[in-house]
Amino acid sequence: MKKIFVSIPYSDDDKRIVQGRVLSATRYCARLLQEKNNPICPAIFGHLMLMENPRIDLSHDEWLEYAFAFLTDAIDEVHVLKLNGYSDSIGVKKEVQMAQAMDIQVTHVDI
């Protein structure tokens, strides 16, 4: 079972775009799980926590730190979902840089 970190762009002023990105990531993670992989997507977890408690007040950098805690050398691969905005996302760029620094394979995935 591969441990796969799923990276997506998250932030957007339009909540519908954020919802769509999270839904796409959730569907992709479900597919990975069905294929007997072990996906992890901090954006999904963070989104669910914000839905439960919208008063969570973390800066963008604090959210990135939260996500980076899951990106360790125990991860086998990073999958970047090529959702609208992924190439401009600061978080996606940093996650890719971290993975490359740890020699973790990075794959860009068309959805």
C-alpha atoms as a PDB file:
ATOM      1  CA  MET A   1       0.000   0.000   0.000  1.00  0.00           C
ATOM      2  CA  LYS A   2       1.620   3.257  -1.147  1.00  0.00           C
ATOM      3  CA  LYS A   3       1.325   6.279   1.115  1.00  0.00           C
ATOM      4  CA  ILE A   4       0.302   9.124  -1.184  1.00  0.00           C
ATOM      5  CA  PHE A   5       0.166  12.778  -0.174  1.00  0.00           C
ATOM      6  CA  VAL A   6      -2.466  14.554  -2.295  1.00  0.00           C
ATOM      7  CA  SER A   7      -1.741  18.216  -2.966  1.00  0.00           C
ATOM      8  CA  ILE A   8      -4.381  20.675  -4.172  1.00  0.00           C
ATOM      9  CA  PRO A   9      -4.773  24.431  -4.370  1.00  0.00           C
ATOM     10  CA  TYR A  10      -7.169  25.384  -1.599  1.00  0.00           C
ATOM     11  CA  SER A  11      -7.552  29.128  -1.039  1.00  0.00           C
ATOM     12  CA  ASP A  12      -9.937  31.174  -3.151  1.00  0.00           C
ATOM     13  CA  ASP A  13     -12.318  34.061  -2.467  1.00  0.00           C
ATOM     14  CA  ASP A  14     -15.124  32.040  -4.075  1.00  0.00           C
ATOM     15  CA  LYS A  15     -16.309  29.394  -1.606  1.00  0.00           C
ATOM     16  CA  ARG A  16     -17.801  27.367  -4.473  1.00  0.00           C
ATOM     17  CA  ILE A  17     -14.349  26.961  -5.993  1.00  0.00           C
ATOM     18  CA  VAL A  18     -12.955  25.818  -2.641  1.00  0.00           C
ATOM     19  CA  GLN A  19     -15.838  23.339  -2.256  1.00  0.00           C
ATOM     20  CA  GLY A  20     -15.248  22.006  -5.764  1.00  0.00           C
ATOM     21  CA  ARG A  21     -11.540  21.531  -5.140  1.00  0.00           C
ATOM     22  CA  VAL A  22     -12.165  19.672  -1.886  1.00  0.00           C
ATOM     23  CA  LEU A  23     -14.797  17.486  -3.527  1.00  0.00           C
ATOM     24  CA  SER A  24     -12.397  16.641  -6.376  1.00  0.00           C
ATOM     25  CA  ALA A  25      -9.675  15.753  -3.861  1.00  0.00           C
ATOM     26  CA  THR A  26     -12.088  13.634  -1.835  1.00  0.00           C
ATOM     27  CA  ARG A  27     -13.152  11.688  -4.917  1.00  0.00           C
ATOM     28  CA  TYR A  28      -9.536  11.200  -5.958  1.00  0.00           C
ATOM     29  CA  CYS A  29      -8.541   9.991  -2.488  1.00  0.00           C
ATOM     30  CA  ALA A  30     -11.472   7.559  -2.485  1.00  0.00           C
ATOM     31  CA  ARG A  31     -10.236   6.176  -5.804  1.00  0.00           C
ATOM     32  CA  LEU A  32      -6.710   5.794  -4.428  1.00  0.00           C
ATOM     33  CA  LEU A  33      -8.070   3.985  -1.387  1.00  0.00           C
ATOM     34  CA  GLN A  34     -10.123   1.677  -3.576  1.00  0.00           C
ATOM     35  CA  GLU A  35      -6.909   0.914  -5.495  1.00  0.00           C
ATOM     36  CA  LYS A  36      -5.369  -0.181  -2.159  1.00  0.00           C
ATOM     37  CA  ASN A  37      -3.304   2.952  -1.583  1.00  0.00           C
ATOM     38  CA  ASN A  38      -3.174   5.049   1.568  1.00  0.00           C
ATOM     39  CA  PRO A  39      -3.986   8.663   0.603  1.00  0.00           C
ATOM     40  CA  ILE A  40      -3.557  11.681   2.848  1.00  0.00           C
ATOM     41  CA  CYS A  41      -4.860  15.122   1.930  1.00  0.00           C
ATOM     42  CA  PRO A  42      -4.466  17.765   4.645  1.00  0.00           C
ATOM     43  CA  ALA A  43      -6.680  20.175   2.654  1.00  0.00           C
ATOM     44  CA  ILE A  44      -9.633  17.829   3.141  1.00  0.00           C
ATOM     45  CA  PHE A  45      -9.012  17.568   6.890  1.00  0.00           C
ATOM     46  CA  GLY A  46      -8.542  21.316   7.257  1.00  0.00           C
ATOM     47  CA  HIS A  47     -11.680  22.026   5.263  1.00  0.00           C
ATOM     48  CA  LEU A  48     -13.760  19.701   7.422  1.00  0.00           C
ATOM     49  CA  MET A  49     -12.426  21.310  10.589  1.00  0.00           C
ATOM     50  CA  LEU A  50     -13.265  24.779   9.266  1.00  0.00           C
ATOM     51  CA  MET A  51     -16.775  23.633   8.371  1.00  0.00           C
ATOM     52  CA  GLU A  52     -17.227  22.353  11.925  1.00  0.00           C
ATOM     53  CA  ASN A  53     -15.644  25.397  13.538  1.00  0.00           C
ATOM     54  CA  PRO A  54     -15.405  28.452  11.268  1.00  0.00           C
ATOM     55  CA  ARG A  55     -13.845  30.437  14.126  1.00  0.00           C
ATOM     56  CA  ILE A  56     -10.529  28.624  13.645  1.00  0.00           C
ATOM     57  CA  ASP A  57      -8.193  31.520  13.015  1.00  0.00           C
ATOM     58  CA  LEU A  58      -4.935  30.335  11.472  1.00  0.00           C
ATOM     59  CA  SER A  59      -2.806  32.360   9.109  1.00  0.00           C
ATOM     60  CA  HIS A  60      -1.952  31.012   5.660  1.00  0.00           C
ATOM     61  CA  ASP A  61       1.520  30.109   6.936  1.00  0.00           C
ATOM     62  CA  GLU A  62       0.030  28.237   9.916  1.00  0.00           C
ATOM     63  CA  TRP A  63      -2.212  26.214   7.575  1.00  0.00           C
ATOM     64  CA  LEU A  64       0.845  25.390   5.458  1.00  0.00           C
ATOM     65  CA  GLU A  65       2.710  24.265   8.552  1.00  0.00           C
ATOM     66  CA  TYR A  66      -0.246  22.009   9.392  1.00  0.00           C
ATOM     67  CA  ALA A  67      -0.131  20.439   5.906  1.00  0.00           C
ATOM     68  CA  PHE A  68       3.651  20.066   5.921  1.00  0.00           C
ATOM     69  CA  ALA A  69       3.477  17.992   9.108  1.00  0.00           C
ATOM     70  CA  PHE A  70       1.991  15.187   6.985  1.00  0.00           C
ATOM     71  CA  LEU A  71       4.667  15.419   4.300  1.00  0.00           C
ATOM     72  CA  THR A  72       7.400  13.270   5.767  1.00  0.00           C
ATOM     73  CA  ASP A  73       9.880  10.760   4.420  1.00  0.00           C
ATOM     74  CA  ALA A  74       7.264   8.082   5.233  1.00  0.00           C
ATOM     75  CA  ILE A  75       5.335   9.291   2.157  1.00  0.00           C
ATOM     76  CA  ASP A  76       5.971   7.285  -1.008  1.00  0.00           C
ATOM     77  CA  GLU A  77       4.569   9.723  -3.560  1.00  0.00           C
ATOM     78  CA  VAL A  78       3.033  13.171  -3.884  1.00  0.00           C
ATOM     79  CA  HIS A  79       0.160  13.574  -6.323  1.00  0.00           C
ATOM     80  CA  VAL A  80      -0.584  17.133  -7.396  1.00  0.00           C
ATOM     81  CA  LEU A  81      -4.125  17.449  -8.708  1.00  0.00           C
ATOM     82  CA  LYS A  82      -4.130  19.749 -11.709  1.00  0.00           C
ATOM     83  CA  LEU A  83      -7.151  21.719 -10.570  1.00  0.00           C
ATOM     84  CA  ASN A  84      -7.732  25.299 -11.646  1.00  0.00           C
ATOM     85  CA  GLY A  85      -5.134  27.442  -9.877  1.00  0.00           C
ATOM     86  CA  TYR A  86      -2.701  24.644  -8.999  1.00  0.00           C
ATOM     87  CA  SER A  87       0.214  26.182 -10.907  1.00  0.00           C
ATOM     88  CA  ASP A  88      -0.146  29.471  -9.000  1.00  0.00           C
ATOM     89  CA  SER A  89      -0.736  27.950  -5.563  1.00  0.00           C
ATOM     90  CA  ILE A  90       1.944  28.850  -3.016  1.00  0.00           C
ATOM     91  CA  GLY A  91       1.057  25.781  -0.947  1.00  0.00           C
ATOM     92  CA  VAL A  92       1.282  23.383  -3.891  1.00  0.00           C
ATOM     93  CA  LYS A  93       4.627  24.861  -4.923  1.00  0.00           C
ATOM     94  CA  LYS A  94       6.027  24.490  -1.399  1.00  0.00           C
ATOM     95  CA  GLU A  95       4.725  20.930  -1.064  1.00  0.00           C
ATOM     96  CA  VAL A  96       6.383  19.985  -4.362  1.00  0.00           C
ATOM     97  CA  GLN A  97       9.659  21.624  -3.268  1.00  0.00           C
ATOM     98  CA  MET A  98       9.574  19.736   0.038  1.00  0.00           C
ATOM     99  CA  ALA A  99       8.864  16.430  -1.699  1.00  0.00           C
ATOM    100  CA  GLN A 100      11.691  16.971  -4.176  1.00  0.00           C
ATOM    101  CA  ALA A 101      14.083  17.830  -1.344  1.00  0.00           C
ATOM    102  CA  MET A 102      13.177  14.469   0.258  1.00  0.00           C
ATOM    103  CA  ASP A 103      13.477  12.606  -3.078  1.00  0.00           C
ATOM    104  CA  ILE A 104       9.779  11.767  -3.048  1.00  0.00           C
ATOM    105  CA  GLN A 105       8.269  11.146  -6.473  1.00  0.00           C
ATOM    106  CA  VAL A 106       5.908  13.923  -7.578  1.00  0.00           C
ATOM    107  CA  THR A 107       3.199  13.173 -10.134  1.00  0.00           C
ATOM    108  CA  HIS A 108       0.877  15.775 -11.647  1.00  0.00           C
ATOM    109  CA  VAL A 109      -2.568  14.295 -12.141  1.00  0.00           C
ATOM    110  CA  ASP A 110      -5.190  15.430 -14.644  1.00  0.00           C
ATOM    111  CA  ILE A 111      -8.670  15.173 -13.195  1.00  0.00           C
END
